[in-house]
Amino acid sequence: MIGGVAHPRTAWPRTRHGCLSPSRDETRLGLAPQMTYLMDTGRSPTYRRYGLRATRKDDATWAFETGLDCVPDGIAARLGI
């Protein structure tokens, strides 16, 4: 083991070749206490404002719509258009 993300409820060891892939929701849950602490210190007010206004961009609808938007680009690249 080279490193890892630890949380009282979960621990995700990191290997030399990458994470053992927790889900995005598990990652958010594990990192939430640290992010809350860092944002509450007041040392990064711009980041805090951004974080509080930000929306998730990895939900199923967003992933589908983004993938659908990329299909014409992929076809054009494949055909050299």
PDB file of N, CA and C in Angstrom:
ATOM      1  N   MET A   1       0.843  -1.173   0.000  1.00  0.00           N
ATOM      2  CA  MET A   1       0.000   0.000   0.000  1.00  0.00           C
ATOM      3  C   MET A   1       0.889   1.236   0.000  1.00  0.00           C
ATOM      4  N   ILE A   2       0.526   2.210  -0.849  1.00  0.00           N
ATOM      5  CA  ILE A   2       1.308   3.431  -0.979  1.00  0.00           C
ATOM      6  C   ILE A   2       0.652   4.580  -0.230  1.00  0.00           C
ATOM      7  N   GLY A   3      -0.652   4.676  -0.246  1.00  0.00           N
ATOM      8  CA  GLY A   3      -1.376   5.740   0.436  1.00  0.00           C
ATOM      9  C   GLY A   3      -2.826   5.355   0.541  1.00  0.00           C
ATOM     10  N   GLY A   4      -3.658   6.250   0.992  1.00  0.00           N
ATOM     11  CA  GLY A   4      -5.063   5.916   1.065  1.00  0.00           C
ATOM     12  C   GLY A   4      -5.884   7.061   1.609  1.00  0.00           C
ATOM     13  N   VAL A   5      -7.184   6.928   1.482  1.00  0.00           N
ATOM     14  CA  VAL A   5      -8.127   7.890   2.035  1.00  0.00           C
ATOM     15  C   VAL A   5      -8.819   7.173   3.173  1.00  0.00           C
ATOM     16  N   ALA A   6      -8.709   7.709   4.358  1.00  0.00           N
ATOM     17  CA  ALA A   6      -9.309   7.047   5.514  1.00  0.00           C
ATOM     18  C   ALA A   6     -10.433   7.893   6.077  1.00  0.00           C
ATOM     19  N   HIS A   7     -11.432   7.241   6.528  1.00  0.00           N
ATOM     20  CA  HIS A   7     -12.588   7.872   7.152  1.00  0.00           C
ATOM     21  C   HIS A   7     -13.060   6.907   8.220  1.00  0.00           C
ATOM     22  N   PRO A   8     -13.650   7.387   9.305  1.00  0.00           N
ATOM     23  CA  PRO A   8     -14.074   6.465  10.364  1.00  0.00           C
ATOM     24  C   PRO A   8     -14.951   5.315   9.883  1.00  0.00           C
ATOM     25  N   ARG A   9     -15.777   5.553   8.866  1.00  0.00           N
ATOM     26  CA  ARG A   9     -16.672   4.488   8.410  1.00  0.00           C
ATOM     27  C   ARG A   9     -16.080   3.647   7.289  1.00  0.00           C
ATOM     28  N   THR A  10     -15.126   4.197   6.558  1.00  0.00           N
ATOM     29  CA  THR A  10     -14.572   3.476   5.415  1.00  0.00           C
ATOM     30  C   THR A  10     -13.093   3.779   5.279  1.00  0.00           C
ATOM     31  N   ALA A  11     -12.390   2.921   4.589  1.00  0.00           N
ATOM     32  CA  ALA A  11     -10.987   3.179   4.251  1.00  0.00           C
ATOM     33  C   ALA A  11     -10.763   2.629   2.854  1.00  0.00           C
ATOM     34  N   TRP A  12     -10.151   3.430   2.019  1.00  0.00           N
ATOM     35  CA  TRP A  12      -9.925   3.018   0.640  1.00  0.00           C
ATOM     36  C   TRP A  12      -8.437   3.011   0.358  1.00  0.00           C
ATOM     37  N   PRO A  13      -7.800   1.868   0.395  1.00  0.00           N
ATOM     38  CA  PRO A  13      -6.364   1.847   0.121  1.00  0.00           C
ATOM     39  C   PRO A  13      -6.071   2.204  -1.329  1.00  0.00           C
ATOM     40  N   ARG A  14      -4.943   2.840  -1.529  1.00  0.00           N
ATOM     41  CA  ARG A  14      -4.514   3.210  -2.873  1.00  0.00           C
ATOM     42  C   ARG A  14      -3.296   2.375  -3.220  1.00  0.00           C
ATOM     43  N   THR A  15      -3.332   1.768  -4.367  1.00  0.00           N
ATOM     44  CA  THR A  15      -2.205   0.957  -4.809  1.00  0.00           C
ATOM     45  C   THR A  15      -1.346   1.760  -5.760  1.00  0.00           C
ATOM     46  N   ARG A  16      -0.240   1.198  -6.174  1.00  0.00           N
ATOM     47  CA  ARG A  16       0.655   1.870  -7.111  1.00  0.00           C
ATOM     48  C   ARG A  16      -0.050   2.174  -8.424  1.00  0.00           C
ATOM     49  N   HIS A  17      -1.041   1.376  -8.795  1.00  0.00           N
ATOM     50  CA  HIS A  17      -1.711   1.522 -10.085  1.00  0.00           C
ATOM     51  C   HIS A  17      -3.022   2.284 -10.003  1.00  0.00           C
ATOM     52  N   GLY A  18      -3.368   2.816  -8.860  1.00  0.00           N
ATOM     53  CA  GLY A  18      -4.584   3.609  -8.754  1.00  0.00           C
ATOM     54  C   GLY A  18      -5.459   3.149  -7.610  1.00  0.00           C
ATOM     55  N   CYS A  19      -6.584   3.813  -7.480  1.00  0.00           N
ATOM     56  CA  CYS A  19      -7.516   3.497  -6.396  1.00  0.00           C
ATOM     57  C   CYS A  19      -8.234   2.184  -6.653  1.00  0.00           C
ATOM     58  N   LEU A  20      -8.740   1.617  -5.610  1.00  0.00           N
ATOM     59  CA  LEU A  20      -9.552   0.412  -5.728  1.00  0.00           C
ATOM     60  C   LEU A  20     -10.992   0.789  -6.010  1.00  0.00           C
ATOM     61  N   SER A  21     -11.185   1.961  -6.521  1.00  0.00           N
ATOM     62  CA  SER A  21     -12.405   2.544  -7.061  1.00  0.00           C
ATOM     63  C   SER A  21     -13.642   2.496  -6.170  1.00  0.00           C
ATOM     64  N   PRO A  22     -13.673   3.357  -5.151  1.00  0.00           N
ATOM     65  CA  PRO A  22     -14.946   3.560  -4.456  1.00  0.00           C
ATOM     66  C   PRO A  22     -15.871   4.325  -5.397  1.00  0.00           C
ATOM     67  N   SER A  23     -17.152   4.252  -5.169  1.00  0.00           N
ATOM     68  CA  SER A  23     -18.078   4.992  -6.016  1.00  0.00           C
ATOM     69  C   SER A  23     -17.917   6.487  -5.743  1.00  0.00           C
ATOM     70  N   ARG A  24     -18.433   7.299  -6.638  1.00  0.00           N
ATOM     71  CA  ARG A  24     -18.348   8.749  -6.456  1.00  0.00           C
ATOM     72  C   ARG A  24     -19.069   9.185  -5.193  1.00  0.00           C
ATOM     73  N   ASP A  25     -20.196   8.565  -4.908  1.00  0.00           N
ATOM     74  CA  ASP A  25     -20.939   8.918  -3.698  1.00  0.00           C
ATOM     75  C   ASP A  25     -20.153   8.546  -2.451  1.00  0.00           C
ATOM     76  N   GLU A  26     -19.479   7.377  -2.469  1.00  0.00           N
ATOM     77  CA  GLU A  26     -18.656   6.971  -1.326  1.00  0.00           C
ATOM     78  C   GLU A  26     -17.490   7.931  -1.133  1.00  0.00           C
ATOM     79  N   THR A  27     -16.906   8.382  -2.237  1.00  0.00           N
ATOM     80  CA  THR A  27     -15.804   9.328  -2.156  1.00  0.00           C
ATOM     81  C   THR A  27     -16.277  10.637  -1.543  1.00  0.00           C
ATOM     82  N   ARG A  28     -17.414  11.149  -2.010  1.00  0.00           N
ATOM     83  CA  ARG A  28     -17.967  12.390  -1.442  1.00  0.00           C
ATOM     84  C   ARG A  28     -18.242  12.239   0.047  1.00  0.00           C
ATOM     85  N   LEU A  29     -18.841  11.127   0.416  1.00  0.00           N
ATOM     86  CA  LEU A  29     -19.156  10.883   1.818  1.00  0.00           C
ATOM     87  C   LEU A  29     -17.884  10.829   2.650  1.00  0.00           C
ATOM     88  N   GLY A  30     -16.866  10.182   2.136  1.00  0.00           N
ATOM     89  CA  GLY A  30     -15.612  10.060   2.869  1.00  0.00           C
ATOM     90  C   GLY A  30     -14.861  11.369   3.008  1.00  0.00           C
ATOM     91  N   LEU A  31     -14.950  12.222   1.999  1.00  0.00           N
ATOM     92  CA  LEU A  31     -14.207  13.480   2.022  1.00  0.00           C
ATOM     93  C   LEU A  31     -15.000  14.660   2.576  1.00  0.00           C
ATOM     94  N   ALA A  32     -16.288  14.492   2.786  1.00  0.00           N
ATOM     95  CA  ALA A  32     -17.143  15.595   3.243  1.00  0.00           C
ATOM     96  C   ALA A  32     -16.660  16.238   4.539  1.00  0.00           C
ATOM     97  N   PRO A  33     -16.284  15.482   5.564  1.00  0.00           N
ATOM     98  CA  PRO A  33     -15.845  16.145   6.804  1.00  0.00           C
ATOM     99  C   PRO A  33     -14.595  17.014   6.599  1.00  0.00           C
ATOM    100  N   GLN A  34     -13.640  16.517   5.825  1.00  0.00           N
ATOM    101  CA  GLN A  34     -12.427  17.294   5.583  1.00  0.00           C
ATOM    102  C   GLN A  34     -12.731  18.553   4.769  1.00  0.00           C
ATOM    103  N   MET A  35     -13.558  18.424   3.746  1.00  0.00           N
ATOM    104  CA  MET A  35     -13.902  19.577   2.917  1.00  0.00           C
ATOM    105  C   MET A  35     -14.685  20.606   3.721  1.00  0.00           C
ATOM    106  N   THR A  36     -15.589  20.150   4.567  1.00  0.00           N
ATOM    107  CA  THR A  36     -16.349  21.067   5.413  1.00  0.00           C
ATOM    108  C   THR A  36     -15.410  21.828   6.334  1.00  0.00           C
ATOM    109  N   TYR A  37     -14.467  21.110   6.954  1.00  0.00           N
ATOM    110  CA  TYR A  37     -13.501  21.759   7.836  1.00  0.00           C
ATOM    111  C   TYR A  37     -12.686  22.804   7.071  1.00  0.00           C
ATOM    112  N   LEU A  38     -12.136  22.421   5.919  1.00  0.00           N
ATOM    113  CA  LEU A  38     -11.298  23.337   5.150  1.00  0.00           C
ATOM    114  C   LEU A  38     -12.072  24.567   4.694  1.00  0.00           C
ATOM    115  N   MET A  39     -13.312  24.380   4.295  1.00  0.00           N
ATOM    116  CA  MET A  39     -14.113  25.519   3.843  1.00  0.00           C
ATOM    117  C   MET A  39     -14.512  26.419   5.012  1.00  0.00           C
ATOM    118  N   ASP A  40     -14.655  25.844   6.195  1.00  0.00           N
ATOM    119  CA  ASP A  40     -15.052  26.631   7.372  1.00  0.00           C
ATOM    120  C   ASP A  40     -13.891  27.379   8.020  1.00  0.00           C
ATOM    121  N   THR A  41     -12.645  27.112   7.602  1.00  0.00           N
ATOM    122  CA  THR A  41     -11.506  27.817   8.203  1.00  0.00           C
ATOM    123  C   THR A  41     -11.484  29.287   7.815  1.00  0.00           C
ATOM    124  N   GLY A  42     -12.120  29.638   6.687  1.00  0.00           N
ATOM    125  CA  GLY A  42     -12.139  31.021   6.247  1.00  0.00           C
ATOM    126  C   GLY A  42     -10.924  31.425   5.433  1.00  0.00           C
ATOM    127  N   ARG A  43     -10.005  30.486   5.188  1.00  0.00           N
ATOM    128  CA  ARG A  43      -8.793  30.819   4.442  1.00  0.00           C
ATOM    129  C   ARG A  43      -9.020  30.878   2.936  1.00  0.00           C
ATOM    130  N   SER A  44     -10.116  30.335   2.468  1.00  0.00           N
ATOM    131  CA  SER A  44     -10.394  30.324   1.025  1.00  0.00           C
ATOM    132  C   SER A  44     -11.833  30.759   0.764  1.00  0.00           C
ATOM    133  N   PRO A  45     -12.145  32.036   0.960  1.00  0.00           N
ATOM    134  CA  PRO A  45     -13.538  32.478   0.815  1.00  0.00           C
ATOM    135  C   PRO A  45     -14.081  32.319  -0.607  1.00  0.00           C
ATOM    136  N   THR A  46     -13.243  32.519  -1.611  1.00  0.00           N
ATOM    137  CA  THR A  46     -13.710  32.365  -2.990  1.00  0.00           C
ATOM    138  C   THR A  46     -14.067  30.917  -3.274  1.00  0.00           C
ATOM    139  N   TYR A  47     -13.216  29.995  -2.838  1.00  0.00           N
ATOM    140  CA  TYR A  47     -13.490  28.569  -3.031  1.00  0.00           C
ATOM    141  C   TYR A  47     -14.756  28.162  -2.285  1.00  0.00           C
ATOM    142  N   ARG A  48     -14.952  28.689  -1.096  1.00  0.00           N
ATOM    143  CA  ARG A  48     -16.154  28.376  -0.315  1.00  0.00           C
ATOM    144  C   ARG A  48     -17.409  28.840  -1.050  1.00  0.00           C
ATOM    145  N   ARG A  49     -17.384  30.089  -1.564  1.00  0.00           N
ATOM    146  CA  ARG A  49     -18.549  30.588  -2.301  1.00  0.00           C
ATOM    147  C   ARG A  49     -18.837  29.713  -3.515  1.00  0.00           C
ATOM    148  N   TYR A  50     -17.777  29.348  -4.244  1.00  0.00           N
ATOM    149  CA  TYR A  50     -17.946  28.486  -5.414  1.00  0.00           C
ATOM    150  C   TYR A  50     -18.520  27.127  -5.005  1.00  0.00           C
ATOM    151  N   GLY A  51     -17.960  26.549  -3.961  1.00  0.00           N
ATOM    152  CA  GLY A  51     -18.405  25.224  -3.516  1.00  0.00           C
ATOM    153  C   GLY A  51     -19.856  25.205  -3.068  1.00  0.00           C
ATOM    154  N   LEU A  52     -20.293  26.272  -2.445  1.00  0.00           N
ATOM    155  CA  LEU A  52     -21.671  26.321  -1.978  1.00  0.00           C
ATOM    156  C   LEU A  52     -22.662  26.541  -3.119  1.00  0.00           C
ATOM    157  N   ARG A  53     -22.200  27.141  -4.231  1.00  0.00           N
ATOM    158  CA  ARG A  53     -23.080  27.372  -5.378  1.00  0.00           C
ATOM    159  C   ARG A  53     -23.013  26.246  -6.407  1.00  0.00           C
ATOM    160  N   ALA A  54     -21.981  25.434  -6.337  1.00  0.00           N
ATOM    161  CA  ALA A  54     -21.739  24.418  -7.358  1.00  0.00           C
ATOM    162  C   ALA A  54     -22.831  23.345  -7.354  1.00  0.00           C
ATOM    163  N   THR A  55     -23.049  22.763  -8.510  1.00  0.00           N
ATOM    164  CA  THR A  55     -23.979  21.648  -8.635  1.00  0.00           C
ATOM    165  C   THR A  55     -23.215  20.427  -9.124  1.00  0.00           C
ATOM    166  N   ARG A  56     -23.733  19.270  -8.824  1.00  0.00           N
ATOM    167  CA  ARG A  56     -23.086  18.034  -9.268  1.00  0.00           C
ATOM    168  C   ARG A  56     -23.223  17.892 -10.770  1.00  0.00           C
ATOM    169  N   LYS A  57     -22.153  17.468 -11.381  1.00  0.00           N
ATOM    170  CA  LYS A  57     -22.156  17.293 -12.828  1.00  0.00           C
ATOM    171  C   LYS A  57     -21.959  15.831 -13.215  1.00  0.00           C
ATOM    172  N   ASP A  58     -22.176  14.929 -12.308  1.00  0.00           N
ATOM    173  CA  ASP A  58     -21.940  13.529 -12.629  1.00  0.00           C
ATOM    174  C   ASP A  58     -23.169  12.644 -12.418  1.00  0.00           C
ATOM    175  N   ASP A  59     -24.343  13.268 -12.415  1.00  0.00           N
ATOM    176  CA  ASP A  59     -25.540  12.446 -12.275  1.00  0.00           C
ATOM    177  C   ASP A  59     -25.827  11.738 -13.602  1.00  0.00           C
ATOM    178  N   ALA A  60     -26.715  10.789 -13.580  1.00  0.00           N
ATOM    179  CA  ALA A  60     -26.987   9.961 -14.764  1.00  0.00           C
ATOM    180  C   ALA A  60     -27.505  10.782 -15.944  1.00  0.00           C
ATOM    181  N   THR A  61     -28.368  11.737 -15.683  1.00  0.00           N
ATOM    182  CA  THR A  61     -28.913  12.563 -16.771  1.00  0.00           C
ATOM    183  C   THR A  61     -27.809  13.370 -17.435  1.00  0.00           C
ATOM    184  N   TRP A  62     -26.962  14.003 -16.622  1.00  0.00           N
ATOM    185  CA  TRP A  62     -25.860  14.785 -17.172  1.00  0.00           C
ATOM    186  C   TRP A  62     -24.916  13.901 -17.986  1.00  0.00           C
ATOM    187  N   ALA A  63     -24.580  12.727 -17.462  1.00  0.00           N
ATOM    188  CA  ALA A  63     -23.674  11.829 -18.179  1.00  0.00           C
ATOM    189  C   ALA A  63     -24.268  11.407 -19.521  1.00  0.00           C
ATOM    190  N   PHE A  64     -25.561  11.102 -19.545  1.00  0.00           N
ATOM    191  CA  PHE A  64     -26.213  10.697 -20.790  1.00  0.00           C
ATOM    192  C   PHE A  64     -26.211  11.844 -21.792  1.00  0.00           C
ATOM    193  N   GLU A  65     -26.608  13.041 -21.347  1.00  0.00           N
ATOM    194  CA  GLU A  65     -26.680  14.190 -22.254  1.00  0.00           C
ATOM    195  C   GLU A  65     -25.300  14.577 -22.778  1.00  0.00           C
ATOM    196  N   THR A  66     -24.296  14.509 -21.932  1.00  0.00           N
ATOM    197  CA  THR A  66     -22.940  14.825 -22.372  1.00  0.00           C
ATOM    198  C   THR A  66     -22.457  13.791 -23.389  1.00  0.00           C
ATOM    199  N   GLY A  67     -22.707  12.535 -23.115  1.00  0.00           N
ATOM    200  CA  GLY A  67     -22.337  11.482 -24.056  1.00  0.00           C
ATOM    201  C   GLY A  67     -23.046  11.652 -25.382  1.00  0.00           C
ATOM    202  N   LEU A  68     -24.311  12.001 -25.312  1.00  0.00           N
ATOM    203  CA  LEU A  68     -25.095  12.206 -26.524  1.00  0.00           C
ATOM    204  C   LEU A  68     -24.563  13.389 -27.328  1.00  0.00           C
ATOM    205  N   ASP A  69     -24.134  14.430 -26.639  1.00  0.00           N
ATOM    206  CA  ASP A  69     -23.537  15.578 -27.323  1.00  0.00           C
ATOM    207  C   ASP A  69     -22.209  15.225 -27.982  1.00  0.00           C
ATOM    208  N   CYS A  70     -21.491  14.256 -27.449  1.00  0.00           N
ATOM    209  CA  CYS A  70     -20.180  13.877 -27.981  1.00  0.00           C
ATOM    210  C   CYS A  70     -20.271  12.952 -29.198  1.00  0.00           C
ATOM    211  N   VAL A  71     -21.391  12.299 -29.396  1.00  0.00           N
ATOM    212  CA  VAL A  71     -21.527  11.350 -30.512  1.00  0.00           C
ATOM    213  C   VAL A  71     -21.259  12.009 -31.864  1.00  0.00           C
ATOM    214  N   PRO A  72     -21.883  13.149 -32.192  1.00  0.00           N
ATOM    215  CA  PRO A  72     -21.589  13.766 -33.501  1.00  0.00           C
ATOM    216  C   PRO A  72     -20.112  14.143 -33.653  1.00  0.00           C
ATOM    217  N   ASP A  73     -19.490  14.602 -32.574  1.00  0.00           N
ATOM    218  CA  ASP A  73     -18.070  14.943 -32.644  1.00  0.00           C
ATOM    219  C   ASP A  73     -17.226  13.706 -32.937  1.00  0.00           C
ATOM    220  N   GLY A  74     -17.570  12.596 -32.302  1.00  0.00           N
ATOM    221  CA  GLY A  74     -16.845  11.351 -32.542  1.00  0.00           C
ATOM    222  C   GLY A  74     -17.005  10.860 -33.964  1.00  0.00           C
ATOM    223  N   ILE A  75     -18.210  10.948 -34.487  1.00  0.00           N
ATOM    224  CA  ILE A  75     -18.468  10.529 -35.884  1.00  0.00           C
ATOM    225  C   ILE A  75     -17.694  11.427 -36.832  1.00  0.00           C
ATOM    226  N   ALA A  76     -17.710  12.737 -36.580  1.00  0.00           N
ATOM    227  CA  ALA A  76     -16.994  13.676 -37.455  1.00  0.00           C
ATOM    228  C   ALA A  76     -15.491  13.398 -37.421  1.00  0.00           C
ATOM    229  N   ALA A  77     -14.952  13.125 -36.240  1.00  0.00           N
ATOM    230  CA  ALA A  77     -13.532  12.831 -36.137  1.00  0.00           C
ATOM    231  C   ALA A  77     -13.178  11.535 -36.871  1.00  0.00           C
ATOM    232  N   ARG A  78     -14.032  10.552 -36.711  1.00  0.00           N
ATOM    233  CA  ARG A  78     -13.792   9.262 -37.366  1.00  0.00           C
ATOM    234  C   ARG A  78     -13.805   9.409 -38.887  1.00  0.00           C
ATOM    235  N   LEU A  79     -14.719  10.226 -39.411  1.00  0.00           N
ATOM    236  CA  LEU A  79     -14.836  10.418 -40.858  1.00  0.00           C
ATOM    237  C   LEU A  79     -13.908  11.505 -41.383  1.00  0.00           C
ATOM    238  N   GLY A  80     -13.221  12.195 -40.480  1.00  0.00           N
ATOM    239  CA  GLY A  80     -12.315  13.256 -40.883  1.00  0.00           C
ATOM    240  C   GLY A  80     -13.004  14.486 -41.428  1.00  0.00           C
ATOM    241  N   ILE A  81     -14.194  14.745 -40.916  1.00  0.00           N
ATOM    242  CA  ILE A  81     -14.978  15.901 -41.384  1.00  0.00           C
ATOM    243  C   ILE A  81     -14.620  17.128 -40.579  1.00  0.00           C
TER     244      ILE A  81
END
